[in-house]
């Protein structure tokens, strides 16, 4: 439970920082904290705990956005699943593989949001420069986010102590 709570606090800090910096930064120049958290947790927090953490982080992004509820939670879950599958096929722990993977996920997330009617309209010519800048921001920030989540969330994930149980001796076999 501790890694989930740490991931939620870390993602909330990133979401609030991105929201606070948005008026002073060019549109698209800020990385997406929810997407970066989903990718980092896909690398460092597998299983149900990672799934729950990413789902909750997506809901945090939903509550802070003006879109319909559940869209960013769904997008975060898809990014986490893609990262878990990509980690098995590609060596995503290395930045040389992680950066293009994040760029592709960013484009996919923007396309998904546009299809769901939340993102920018694809027919608008002003979307492409913003999308390129956003892809670059996410791709350059993902190695740092992955290291940060590995240090904070991965360090809290200590293996459980072996459970001791009563051992029953079956004794001599029956004849």
N, C-alpha and C. Protein backbone atom coordinates (compact mmCIF):
# COMPACT_ATOMS: atom_id res chain seq x y z
N UNK A 1 0.81 -1.19 0.00
CA UNK A 1 0.00 0.00 0.00
C UNK A 1 0.86 1.27 0.00
N UNK A 2 2.04 1.16 0.60
CA UNK A 2 2.93 2.31 0.66
C UNK A 2 3.38 2.77 -0.73
N UNK A 3 3.75 1.87 -1.67
CA UNK A 3 4.13 2.35 -3.00
C UNK A 3 2.99 3.05 -3.73
N UNK A 4 1.76 2.59 -3.52
CA UNK A 4 0.61 3.23 -4.18
C UNK A 4 0.44 4.65 -3.65
N UNK A 5 0.52 4.80 -2.33
CA UNK A 5 0.35 6.12 -1.73
C UNK A 5 1.47 7.07 -2.17
N UNK A 6 2.69 6.58 -2.22
CA UNK A 6 3.80 7.42 -2.67
C UNK A 6 3.63 7.83 -4.14
N UNK A 7 3.18 6.90 -4.96
CA UNK A 7 2.95 7.22 -6.37
C UNK A 7 1.85 8.26 -6.53
N UNK A 8 0.79 8.15 -5.73
CA UNK A 8 -0.30 9.12 -5.81
C UNK A 8 0.17 10.52 -5.38
N UNK A 9 0.95 10.58 -4.33
CA UNK A 9 1.45 11.88 -3.86
C UNK A 9 2.40 12.48 -4.88
N UNK A 10 3.28 11.67 -5.43
CA UNK A 10 4.23 12.16 -6.43
C UNK A 10 3.52 12.64 -7.69
N UNK A 11 2.53 11.89 -8.16
CA UNK A 11 1.79 12.30 -9.35
C UNK A 11 0.95 13.54 -9.07
N UNK A 12 0.36 13.63 -7.88
CA UNK A 12 -0.43 14.82 -7.53
C UNK A 12 0.45 16.06 -7.52
N UNK A 13 1.66 15.93 -6.99
CA UNK A 13 2.59 17.06 -6.99
C UNK A 13 2.92 17.47 -8.43
N UNK A 14 3.14 16.49 -9.30
CA UNK A 14 3.42 16.80 -10.71
C UNK A 14 2.23 17.45 -11.41
N UNK A 15 1.04 16.95 -11.13
CA UNK A 15 -0.16 17.52 -11.76
C UNK A 15 -0.40 18.95 -11.30
N UNK A 16 -0.23 19.21 -10.00
CA UNK A 16 -0.42 20.56 -9.52
C UNK A 16 0.67 21.50 -10.02
N UNK A 17 1.91 21.01 -10.11
CA UNK A 17 3.01 21.84 -10.62
C UNK A 17 2.78 22.18 -12.09
N UNK A 18 2.31 21.20 -12.87
CA UNK A 18 2.05 21.46 -14.29
C UNK A 18 0.89 22.44 -14.45
N UNK A 19 -0.12 22.30 -13.62
CA UNK A 19 -1.25 23.24 -13.67
C UNK A 19 -0.85 24.64 -13.27
N UNK A 20 0.04 24.76 -12.28
CA UNK A 20 0.48 26.08 -11.84
C UNK A 20 1.39 26.74 -12.86
N UNK A 21 2.18 25.96 -13.56
CA UNK A 21 3.13 26.53 -14.53
C UNK A 21 2.50 26.77 -15.90
N UNK A 22 1.33 26.23 -16.15
CA UNK A 22 0.71 26.31 -17.48
C UNK A 22 0.50 27.73 -18.00
N UNK A 23 0.11 28.70 -17.19
CA UNK A 23 -0.08 30.04 -17.76
C UNK A 23 1.19 30.72 -18.24
N UNK A 24 2.35 30.28 -17.75
CA UNK A 24 3.60 30.95 -18.10
C UNK A 24 4.45 30.18 -19.10
N UNK A 25 3.99 29.04 -19.55
CA UNK A 25 4.77 28.20 -20.45
C UNK A 25 4.00 28.08 -21.77
N UNK A 26 4.69 28.05 -22.90
CA UNK A 26 3.97 27.88 -24.17
C UNK A 26 3.13 26.60 -24.19
N UNK A 27 2.04 26.67 -24.88
CA UNK A 27 1.11 25.55 -24.96
C UNK A 27 1.83 24.32 -25.52
N UNK A 28 1.73 23.20 -24.80
CA UNK A 28 2.35 21.96 -25.22
C UNK A 28 3.75 21.74 -24.69
N UNK A 29 4.34 22.76 -24.06
CA UNK A 29 5.73 22.64 -23.61
C UNK A 29 5.87 21.91 -22.28
N UNK A 30 4.77 21.69 -21.59
CA UNK A 30 4.82 20.96 -20.32
C UNK A 30 4.56 19.48 -20.57
N UNK A 31 5.33 18.62 -19.92
CA UNK A 31 5.03 17.20 -20.05
C UNK A 31 3.74 16.85 -19.31
N UNK A 32 3.18 15.73 -19.65
CA UNK A 32 1.94 15.24 -19.04
C UNK A 32 2.30 14.38 -17.83
N UNK A 33 2.09 14.87 -16.61
CA UNK A 33 2.49 14.09 -15.43
C UNK A 33 1.76 12.75 -15.30
N UNK A 34 0.50 12.70 -15.69
CA UNK A 34 -0.24 11.44 -15.58
C UNK A 34 0.31 10.40 -16.54
N UNK A 35 0.65 10.81 -17.75
CA UNK A 35 1.22 9.88 -18.71
C UNK A 35 2.61 9.42 -18.26
N UNK A 36 3.42 10.34 -17.78
CA UNK A 36 4.75 9.97 -17.31
C UNK A 36 4.67 9.04 -16.10
N UNK A 37 3.71 9.29 -15.21
CA UNK A 37 3.54 8.40 -14.06
C UNK A 37 3.08 7.02 -14.50
N UNK A 38 2.19 6.96 -15.49
CA UNK A 38 1.73 5.66 -15.98
C UNK A 38 2.88 4.86 -16.59
N UNK A 39 3.73 5.53 -17.34
CA UNK A 39 4.87 4.85 -17.95
C UNK A 39 5.86 4.40 -16.88
N UNK A 40 6.17 5.29 -15.93
CA UNK A 40 7.13 4.95 -14.88
C UNK A 40 6.60 3.81 -14.00
N UNK A 41 5.31 3.85 -13.69
CA UNK A 41 4.74 2.77 -12.87
C UNK A 41 4.64 1.47 -13.67
N UNK A 42 4.46 1.58 -14.97
CA UNK A 42 4.48 0.38 -15.80
C UNK A 42 5.84 -0.30 -15.78
N UNK A 43 6.88 0.50 -15.59
CA UNK A 43 8.23 -0.05 -15.50
C UNK A 43 8.57 -0.58 -14.12
N UNK A 44 8.06 0.10 -13.08
CA UNK A 44 8.56 -0.17 -11.73
C UNK A 44 7.52 -0.70 -10.74
N UNK A 45 6.25 -0.75 -11.09
CA UNK A 45 5.24 -1.25 -10.16
C UNK A 45 4.27 -2.14 -10.91
N UNK A 46 4.63 -3.39 -11.10
CA UNK A 46 3.76 -4.30 -11.85
C UNK A 46 2.61 -4.83 -10.98
N UNK A 47 1.73 -5.52 -11.61
CA UNK A 47 0.66 -6.19 -10.89
C UNK A 47 -0.51 -5.29 -10.55
N UNK A 48 -1.31 -5.77 -9.63
CA UNK A 48 -2.53 -5.07 -9.25
C UNK A 48 -2.21 -3.74 -8.59
N UNK A 49 -1.12 -3.69 -7.83
CA UNK A 49 -0.77 -2.43 -7.18
C UNK A 49 -0.47 -1.33 -8.20
N UNK A 50 0.24 -1.67 -9.25
CA UNK A 50 0.51 -0.69 -10.30
C UNK A 50 -0.75 -0.28 -11.03
N UNK A 51 -1.61 -1.25 -11.28
CA UNK A 51 -2.88 -0.97 -11.96
C UNK A 51 -3.74 -0.02 -11.13
N UNK A 52 -3.84 -0.28 -9.84
CA UNK A 52 -4.64 0.59 -8.96
C UNK A 52 -4.03 1.98 -8.85
N UNK A 53 -2.71 2.05 -8.76
CA UNK A 53 -2.05 3.36 -8.65
C UNK A 53 -2.27 4.18 -9.91
N UNK A 54 -2.14 3.56 -11.06
CA UNK A 54 -2.32 4.29 -12.33
C UNK A 54 -3.77 4.71 -12.50
N UNK A 55 -4.68 3.86 -12.12
CA UNK A 55 -6.10 4.20 -12.21
C UNK A 55 -6.41 5.41 -11.33
N UNK A 56 -5.88 5.42 -10.11
CA UNK A 56 -6.12 6.55 -9.20
C UNK A 56 -5.45 7.82 -9.71
N UNK A 57 -4.27 7.70 -10.29
CA UNK A 57 -3.59 8.87 -10.86
C UNK A 57 -4.39 9.42 -12.03
N UNK A 58 -4.95 8.54 -12.85
CA UNK A 58 -5.81 8.99 -13.94
C UNK A 58 -7.04 9.73 -13.43
N UNK A 59 -7.60 9.26 -12.33
CA UNK A 59 -8.74 9.97 -11.74
C UNK A 59 -8.31 11.32 -11.18
N UNK A 60 -7.11 11.41 -10.64
CA UNK A 60 -6.62 12.71 -10.20
C UNK A 60 -6.57 13.69 -11.37
N UNK A 61 -6.06 13.21 -12.50
CA UNK A 61 -5.99 14.06 -13.70
C UNK A 61 -7.40 14.41 -14.18
N UNK A 62 -8.34 13.47 -14.06
CA UNK A 62 -9.72 13.75 -14.45
C UNK A 62 -10.33 14.85 -13.60
N UNK A 63 -10.11 14.79 -12.30
CA UNK A 63 -10.69 15.78 -11.41
C UNK A 63 -10.08 17.16 -11.62
N UNK A 64 -8.84 17.22 -12.08
CA UNK A 64 -8.19 18.50 -12.32
C UNK A 64 -8.42 19.05 -13.73
N UNK A 65 -8.97 18.24 -14.62
CA UNK A 65 -9.21 18.69 -15.99
C UNK A 65 -10.67 19.10 -16.14
N UNK A 66 -10.99 19.62 -17.30
CA UNK A 66 -12.37 20.00 -17.54
C UNK A 66 -13.08 19.03 -18.48
N UNK A 67 -12.50 17.88 -18.71
CA UNK A 67 -13.12 16.88 -19.58
C UNK A 67 -14.07 15.98 -18.80
N UNK A 68 -14.69 15.07 -19.50
CA UNK A 68 -15.58 14.12 -18.81
C UNK A 68 -14.78 13.19 -17.89
N UNK A 69 -15.39 12.83 -16.80
CA UNK A 69 -14.70 11.98 -15.82
C UNK A 69 -14.44 10.59 -16.40
N UNK A 70 -13.28 10.08 -16.13
CA UNK A 70 -12.92 8.73 -16.55
C UNK A 70 -12.05 8.66 -17.79
N UNK A 71 -11.97 9.74 -18.54
CA UNK A 71 -11.21 9.71 -19.80
C UNK A 71 -9.72 9.56 -19.53
N UNK A 72 -9.19 10.35 -18.61
CA UNK A 72 -7.76 10.27 -18.32
C UNK A 72 -7.42 9.01 -17.53
N UNK A 73 -8.36 8.53 -16.73
CA UNK A 73 -8.14 7.25 -16.05
C UNK A 73 -8.02 6.13 -17.07
N UNK A 74 -8.88 6.15 -18.07
CA UNK A 74 -8.82 5.15 -19.14
C UNK A 74 -7.53 5.28 -19.95
N UNK A 75 -7.15 6.52 -20.28
CA UNK A 75 -5.92 6.74 -21.04
C UNK A 75 -4.69 6.32 -20.23
N UNK A 76 -4.70 6.57 -18.94
CA UNK A 76 -3.57 6.16 -18.09
C UNK A 76 -3.48 4.64 -18.00
N UNK A 77 -4.62 3.99 -17.88
CA UNK A 77 -4.61 2.53 -17.85
C UNK A 77 -4.07 1.94 -19.15
N UNK A 78 -4.48 2.52 -20.27
CA UNK A 78 -3.96 2.04 -21.56
C UNK A 78 -2.46 2.26 -21.66
N UNK A 79 -1.97 3.40 -21.18
CA UNK A 79 -0.52 3.66 -21.22
C UNK A 79 0.23 2.69 -20.32
N UNK A 80 -0.33 2.38 -19.14
CA UNK A 80 0.32 1.43 -18.23
C UNK A 80 0.37 0.04 -18.85
N UNK A 81 -0.74 -0.38 -19.45
CA UNK A 81 -0.78 -1.71 -20.08
C UNK A 81 0.21 -1.76 -21.25
N UNK A 82 0.25 -0.71 -22.06
CA UNK A 82 1.20 -0.68 -23.18
C UNK A 82 2.63 -0.72 -22.67
N UNK A 83 2.91 -0.04 -21.57
CA UNK A 83 4.27 -0.06 -21.01
C UNK A 83 4.61 -1.45 -20.47
N UNK A 84 3.68 -2.09 -19.80
CA UNK A 84 3.94 -3.45 -19.29
C UNK A 84 4.20 -4.41 -20.44
N UNK A 85 3.41 -4.29 -21.51
CA UNK A 85 3.64 -5.16 -22.68
C UNK A 85 4.93 -4.79 -23.40
N UNK A 86 5.20 -3.50 -23.51
CA UNK A 86 6.43 -3.04 -24.18
C UNK A 86 7.68 -3.38 -23.42
N UNK A 87 7.56 -3.42 -22.09
CA UNK A 87 8.74 -3.74 -21.29
C UNK A 87 9.16 -5.18 -21.52
N UNK A 88 8.23 -6.03 -21.77
CA UNK A 88 8.56 -7.44 -22.03
C UNK A 88 9.19 -7.64 -23.40
N UNK A 89 8.75 -6.85 -24.38
CA UNK A 89 9.25 -7.02 -25.74
C UNK A 89 10.48 -6.16 -26.03
N UNK A 90 10.48 -4.95 -25.51
CA UNK A 90 11.58 -4.00 -25.73
C UNK A 90 12.25 -3.78 -24.39
N UNK A 91 13.46 -3.43 -24.37
CA UNK A 91 14.15 -3.15 -23.11
C UNK A 91 13.90 -1.69 -22.75
N UNK A 92 12.73 -1.41 -22.17
CA UNK A 92 12.33 -0.03 -21.92
C UNK A 92 13.06 0.61 -20.76
N UNK A 93 13.85 -0.14 -20.02
CA UNK A 93 14.62 0.46 -18.93
C UNK A 93 15.71 1.38 -19.48
N UNK A 94 16.10 1.15 -20.73
CA UNK A 94 17.12 2.00 -21.36
C UNK A 94 16.46 3.20 -22.02
N UNK A 95 17.02 4.40 -21.84
CA UNK A 95 16.41 5.59 -22.45
C UNK A 95 16.34 5.53 -23.98
N UNK A 96 17.26 4.80 -24.61
CA UNK A 96 17.24 4.73 -26.07
C UNK A 96 15.96 4.06 -26.58
N UNK A 97 15.36 3.21 -25.80
CA UNK A 97 14.08 2.59 -26.18
C UNK A 97 12.90 3.32 -25.55
N UNK A 98 13.10 3.89 -24.37
CA UNK A 98 12.01 4.52 -23.64
C UNK A 98 11.56 5.83 -24.28
N UNK A 99 12.49 6.60 -24.81
CA UNK A 99 12.15 7.91 -25.38
C UNK A 99 11.25 7.77 -26.62
N UNK A 100 11.58 6.94 -27.62
CA UNK A 100 10.66 6.81 -28.75
C UNK A 100 9.34 6.15 -28.37
N UNK A 101 9.39 5.24 -27.39
CA UNK A 101 8.17 4.61 -26.92
C UNK A 101 7.23 5.65 -26.31
N UNK A 102 7.79 6.56 -25.52
CA UNK A 102 6.98 7.63 -24.91
C UNK A 102 6.44 8.57 -25.98
N UNK A 103 7.24 8.88 -26.97
CA UNK A 103 6.77 9.74 -28.06
C UNK A 103 5.58 9.10 -28.77
N UNK A 104 5.66 7.81 -29.03
CA UNK A 104 4.55 7.11 -29.68
C UNK A 104 3.32 7.07 -28.78
N UNK A 105 3.53 6.83 -27.49
CA UNK A 105 2.39 6.83 -26.56
C UNK A 105 1.74 8.21 -26.46
N UNK A 106 2.54 9.27 -26.52
CA UNK A 106 1.98 10.62 -26.46
C UNK A 106 1.09 10.89 -27.67
N UNK A 107 1.58 10.53 -28.84
CA UNK A 107 0.77 10.70 -30.06
C UNK A 107 -0.50 9.85 -29.97
N UNK A 108 -0.36 8.63 -29.48
CA UNK A 108 -1.53 7.76 -29.33
C UNK A 108 -2.53 8.31 -28.33
N UNK A 109 -2.04 8.88 -27.22
CA UNK A 109 -2.96 9.44 -26.24
C UNK A 109 -3.68 10.67 -26.79
N UNK A 110 -2.98 11.52 -27.50
CA UNK A 110 -3.62 12.70 -28.10
C UNK A 110 -4.66 12.25 -29.13
N UNK A 111 -4.34 11.22 -29.91
CA UNK A 111 -5.31 10.71 -30.88
C UNK A 111 -6.53 10.12 -30.17
N UNK A 112 -6.31 9.38 -29.09
CA UNK A 112 -7.42 8.82 -28.33
C UNK A 112 -8.30 9.91 -27.74
N UNK A 113 -7.68 10.94 -27.19
CA UNK A 113 -8.46 12.04 -26.63
C UNK A 113 -9.23 12.79 -27.71
N UNK A 114 -8.64 12.92 -28.90
CA UNK A 114 -9.35 13.57 -30.00
C UNK A 114 -10.54 12.73 -30.46
N UNK A 115 -10.37 11.42 -30.49
CA UNK A 115 -11.48 10.54 -30.88
C UNK A 115 -12.60 10.60 -29.85
N UNK A 116 -12.24 10.69 -28.57
CA UNK A 116 -13.25 10.76 -27.52
C UNK A 116 -13.86 12.15 -27.37
N UNK A 117 -13.36 13.11 -28.15
CA UNK A 117 -13.93 14.44 -28.13
C UNK A 117 -13.40 15.34 -27.04
N UNK A 118 -12.31 14.95 -26.39
CA UNK A 118 -11.75 15.73 -25.29
C UNK A 118 -10.54 16.52 -25.77
N UNK A 119 -9.77 15.96 -26.65
CA UNK A 119 -8.53 16.57 -27.11
C UNK A 119 -8.75 17.61 -28.17
N UNK A 120 -7.67 18.10 -28.72
CA UNK A 120 -7.78 19.13 -29.77
C UNK A 120 -8.32 18.53 -31.06
N UNK A 121 -9.02 19.33 -31.85
CA UNK A 121 -9.52 18.81 -33.13
C UNK A 121 -8.38 18.52 -34.09
N UNK A 122 -8.41 17.38 -34.70
CA UNK A 122 -7.33 16.96 -35.58
C UNK A 122 -7.26 17.79 -36.86
N UNK A 123 -8.36 18.40 -37.27
CA UNK A 123 -8.38 19.16 -38.52
C UNK A 123 -7.76 20.54 -38.37
N UNK A 124 -7.53 20.99 -37.16
CA UNK A 124 -6.97 22.31 -36.93
C UNK A 124 -5.47 22.30 -37.23
N UNK A 125 -5.01 23.24 -38.04
CA UNK A 125 -3.60 23.28 -38.44
C UNK A 125 -2.69 23.71 -37.29
N UNK A 126 -3.24 24.35 -36.28
CA UNK A 126 -2.42 24.81 -35.15
C UNK A 126 -2.08 23.69 -34.18
N UNK A 127 -2.67 22.51 -34.36
CA UNK A 127 -2.46 21.40 -33.44
C UNK A 127 -1.08 20.77 -33.63
N UNK A 128 -0.59 20.69 -34.85
CA UNK A 128 0.67 20.00 -35.13
C UNK A 128 1.87 20.59 -34.40
N UNK A 129 2.11 21.90 -34.42
CA UNK A 129 3.27 22.41 -33.66
C UNK A 129 3.16 22.18 -32.16
N UNK A 130 1.94 22.29 -31.63
CA UNK A 130 1.74 22.04 -30.20
C UNK A 130 1.99 20.57 -29.89
N UNK A 131 1.52 19.69 -30.77
CA UNK A 131 1.72 18.25 -30.58
C UNK A 131 3.20 17.88 -30.64
N UNK A 132 3.93 18.46 -31.57
CA UNK A 132 5.38 18.18 -31.66
C UNK A 132 6.09 18.64 -30.40
N UNK A 133 5.74 19.81 -29.92
CA UNK A 133 6.35 20.32 -28.69
C UNK A 133 6.00 19.45 -27.49
N UNK A 134 4.75 18.99 -27.42
CA UNK A 134 4.30 18.13 -26.32
C UNK A 134 4.98 16.76 -26.37
N UNK A 135 5.14 16.22 -27.56
CA UNK A 135 5.84 14.93 -27.72
C UNK A 135 7.29 15.07 -27.26
N UNK A 136 7.94 16.15 -27.65
CA UNK A 136 9.33 16.37 -27.22
C UNK A 136 9.43 16.56 -25.71
N UNK A 137 8.49 17.29 -25.12
CA UNK A 137 8.52 17.51 -23.67
C UNK A 137 8.34 16.19 -22.92
N UNK A 138 7.40 15.37 -23.35
CA UNK A 138 7.20 14.07 -22.70
C UNK A 138 8.39 13.15 -22.90
N UNK A 139 8.92 13.12 -24.13
CA UNK A 139 10.03 12.22 -24.42
C UNK A 139 11.29 12.60 -23.66
N UNK A 140 11.52 13.88 -23.47
CA UNK A 140 12.70 14.30 -22.74
C UNK A 140 12.53 14.16 -21.22
N UNK A 141 11.31 14.21 -20.74
CA UNK A 141 11.07 14.14 -19.30
C UNK A 141 10.94 12.70 -18.79
N UNK A 142 10.66 11.75 -19.66
CA UNK A 142 10.37 10.39 -19.19
C UNK A 142 11.56 9.70 -18.52
N UNK A 143 12.81 9.86 -18.96
CA UNK A 143 13.88 9.19 -18.21
C UNK A 143 14.01 9.70 -16.78
N UNK A 144 13.80 11.01 -16.59
CA UNK A 144 13.88 11.57 -15.24
C UNK A 144 12.71 11.10 -14.38
N UNK A 145 11.51 11.06 -14.97
CA UNK A 145 10.35 10.58 -14.22
C UNK A 145 10.50 9.11 -13.86
N UNK A 146 11.03 8.32 -14.77
CA UNK A 146 11.22 6.89 -14.49
C UNK A 146 12.23 6.70 -13.37
N UNK A 147 13.30 7.47 -13.37
CA UNK A 147 14.29 7.36 -12.28
C UNK A 147 13.70 7.83 -10.95
N UNK A 148 12.93 8.90 -10.99
CA UNK A 148 12.32 9.41 -9.77
C UNK A 148 11.34 8.40 -9.17
N UNK A 149 10.49 7.83 -10.01
CA UNK A 149 9.54 6.82 -9.52
C UNK A 149 10.28 5.56 -9.07
N UNK A 150 11.36 5.20 -9.74
CA UNK A 150 12.12 4.02 -9.32
C UNK A 150 12.74 4.24 -7.95
N UNK A 151 13.25 5.45 -7.71
CA UNK A 151 13.88 5.74 -6.42
C UNK A 151 12.86 5.83 -5.29
N UNK A 152 11.72 6.44 -5.57
CA UNK A 152 10.76 6.67 -4.49
C UNK A 152 9.80 5.49 -4.33
N UNK A 153 9.19 5.07 -5.41
CA UNK A 153 8.21 3.99 -5.33
C UNK A 153 8.89 2.63 -5.27
N UNK A 154 9.94 2.45 -6.05
CA UNK A 154 10.65 1.17 -6.04
C UNK A 154 11.37 0.92 -4.73
N UNK A 155 11.86 1.98 -4.08
CA UNK A 155 12.53 1.83 -2.80
C UNK A 155 11.57 1.48 -1.67
N UNK A 156 10.31 1.87 -1.82
CA UNK A 156 9.31 1.56 -0.79
C UNK A 156 8.78 0.15 -0.94
N UNK A 157 9.05 -0.45 -2.06
CA UNK A 157 8.52 -1.78 -2.34
C UNK A 157 9.51 -2.82 -1.83
N UNK A 158 9.54 -3.02 -0.53
CA UNK A 158 10.43 -4.02 0.05
C UNK A 158 9.77 -5.37 -0.02
N UNK A 159 10.53 -6.39 -0.28
CA UNK A 159 9.92 -7.71 -0.36
C UNK A 159 9.39 -8.14 1.00
N UNK A 160 8.33 -8.89 0.94
CA UNK A 160 7.74 -9.37 2.19
C UNK A 160 8.65 -10.39 2.85
N UNK A 161 8.59 -10.39 4.16
CA UNK A 161 9.34 -11.39 4.90
C UNK A 161 8.69 -12.75 4.67
N UNK A 162 9.50 -13.78 4.64
CA UNK A 162 8.89 -15.09 4.43
C UNK A 162 7.92 -15.41 5.56
N UNK A 163 6.79 -15.91 5.18
CA UNK A 163 5.77 -16.22 6.17
C UNK A 163 6.06 -17.56 6.79
N UNK A 164 6.01 -17.56 8.07
CA UNK A 164 6.21 -18.83 8.76
C UNK A 164 4.84 -19.42 9.05
N UNK A 165 4.77 -20.66 8.97
CA UNK A 165 3.50 -21.34 9.21
C UNK A 165 3.79 -22.61 9.99
N UNK A 166 2.76 -23.12 10.56
CA UNK A 166 2.91 -24.40 11.24
C UNK A 166 3.11 -25.48 10.20
N UNK A 167 4.08 -26.27 10.43
CA UNK A 167 4.32 -27.37 9.50
C UNK A 167 3.89 -28.65 10.19
N UNK A 168 3.06 -29.32 9.52
CA UNK A 168 2.59 -30.58 10.05
C UNK A 168 3.41 -31.72 9.46
N UNK A 169 3.92 -32.53 10.33
CA UNK A 169 4.69 -33.68 9.87
C UNK A 169 3.70 -34.80 9.59
N UNK A 170 3.76 -35.28 8.41
CA UNK A 170 2.82 -36.33 8.03
C UNK A 170 3.10 -37.63 8.76
N UNK A 171 4.30 -37.72 9.28
CA UNK A 171 4.64 -38.93 10.03
C UNK A 171 4.89 -40.09 9.09
N UNK A 172 4.85 -41.23 9.68
CA UNK A 172 5.08 -42.47 8.90
C UNK A 172 3.85 -42.75 8.04
N UNK A 173 4.09 -43.25 6.85
CA UNK A 173 2.94 -43.56 5.99
C UNK A 173 2.11 -44.72 6.58
N UNK A 174 0.84 -44.64 6.30
CA UNK A 174 -0.07 -45.69 6.75
C UNK A 174 0.15 -46.93 5.91
N UNK A 175 0.02 -48.08 6.58
CA UNK A 175 0.17 -49.33 5.84
C UNK A 175 -1.11 -50.08 5.77
